[in-house]
Amino acid sequence: MKQEVQLKYINDEYNFGLVSWKEAYLLLPELVKLNVEYYKGNLIYRAPGSAKRIYYKAIKAGLRKCNIKVYFDVLDLPF
């Protein structure tokens, strides 16, 4: 099954897309939903299982407005 996400903002330098500040995606090398956390009073994004932090302040500087739809596979679980 595929899920559609419409990105409202994109940062080309970091290959980063935002739906809102609560929902962020790393675009390359594959589409990954990032976890939103706070670190020392700053909003950060982190890929699951990664120690690398991406600060919102750094991303905000290069954001541009867009309307891009991306699709990614979601695991189908039989119920």
Protein backbone atom coordinates (compact mmCIF):
# COMPACT_ATOMS: atom_id res chain seq x y z
CA MET A 1 0.00 0.00 0.00
CA LYS A 2 1.23 3.49 -0.79
CA GLN A 3 0.76 6.58 1.33
CA GLU A 4 0.67 10.09 -0.11
CA VAL A 5 2.27 13.05 1.67
CA GLN A 6 2.09 16.62 0.42
CA LEU A 7 5.21 18.60 1.33
CA LYS A 8 4.59 22.32 1.85
CA TYR A 9 8.21 23.39 2.36
CA ILE A 10 11.48 21.98 1.10
CA ASN A 11 15.16 22.62 1.84
CA ASP A 12 17.38 21.62 -1.08
CA GLU A 13 20.65 21.88 0.85
CA TYR A 14 19.64 19.27 3.43
CA ASN A 15 17.26 17.27 1.13
CA PHE A 16 14.57 17.87 3.68
CA GLY A 17 10.80 18.31 3.35
CA LEU A 18 8.25 19.65 5.83
CA VAL A 19 4.51 19.14 6.00
CA SER A 20 4.49 21.13 9.24
CA TRP A 21 7.07 21.59 11.97
CA LYS A 22 5.69 18.40 13.57
CA GLU A 23 6.01 16.23 10.46
CA ALA A 24 9.30 16.13 8.54
CA TYR A 25 10.87 13.84 5.95
CA LEU A 26 14.39 13.20 4.72
CA LEU A 27 14.12 12.92 0.93
CA LEU A 28 17.38 11.33 -0.16
CA PRO A 29 18.71 8.59 -0.45
CA GLU A 30 15.23 7.29 0.42
CA LEU A 31 12.12 8.83 1.95
CA VAL A 32 12.36 8.59 5.76
CA LYS A 33 10.00 10.12 8.31
CA LEU A 34 12.02 11.93 10.98
CA ASN A 35 11.39 12.01 14.71
CA VAL A 36 10.79 15.44 16.24
CA GLU A 37 12.66 16.03 19.52
CA TYR A 38 14.00 18.77 21.76
CA TYR A 39 17.70 18.98 22.56
CA LYS A 40 18.96 21.64 24.96
CA GLY A 41 15.90 23.78 24.29
CA ASN A 42 16.15 23.55 20.49
CA LEU A 43 13.83 21.78 18.09
CA ILE A 44 15.67 19.02 16.23
CA TYR A 45 14.89 16.24 13.78
CA ARG A 46 16.49 12.82 13.94
CA ALA A 47 16.20 9.77 11.69
CA PRO A 48 15.14 6.60 13.53
CA GLY A 49 18.23 4.80 14.85
CA SER A 50 20.55 7.71 14.07
CA ALA A 51 22.56 9.92 16.39
CA LYS A 52 22.80 12.79 13.86
CA ARG A 53 20.72 15.84 14.77
CA ILE A 54 19.33 18.28 12.23
CA TYR A 55 18.42 21.61 13.83
CA TYR A 56 15.24 23.41 12.81
CA LYS A 57 17.10 26.75 12.83
CA ALA A 58 19.51 25.50 10.16
CA ILE A 59 16.72 24.10 8.02
CA LYS A 60 14.52 27.19 8.37
CA ALA A 61 17.16 29.39 6.75
CA GLY A 62 16.93 27.54 3.42
CA LEU A 63 13.23 26.67 3.25
CA ARG A 64 11.25 27.47 0.16
CA LYS A 65 7.53 27.08 -0.35
CA CYS A 66 6.29 24.35 -2.68
CA ASN A 67 3.52 21.82 -3.14
CA ILE A 68 5.10 18.46 -3.90
CA LYS A 69 3.36 15.14 -3.45
CA VAL A 70 5.55 12.19 -2.49
CA TYR A 71 4.53 8.57 -2.11
CA PHE A 72 6.07 5.89 0.05
CA ASP A 73 5.28 2.27 0.78
CA VAL A 74 3.53 1.37 4.00
CA LEU A 75 3.72 -2.12 5.39
CA ASP A 76 0.45 -4.02 4.91
CA LEU A 77 -0.50 -5.92 8.03
CA PRO A 78 -3.27 -8.50 7.77
CA PHE A 79 -5.84 -8.23 10.55
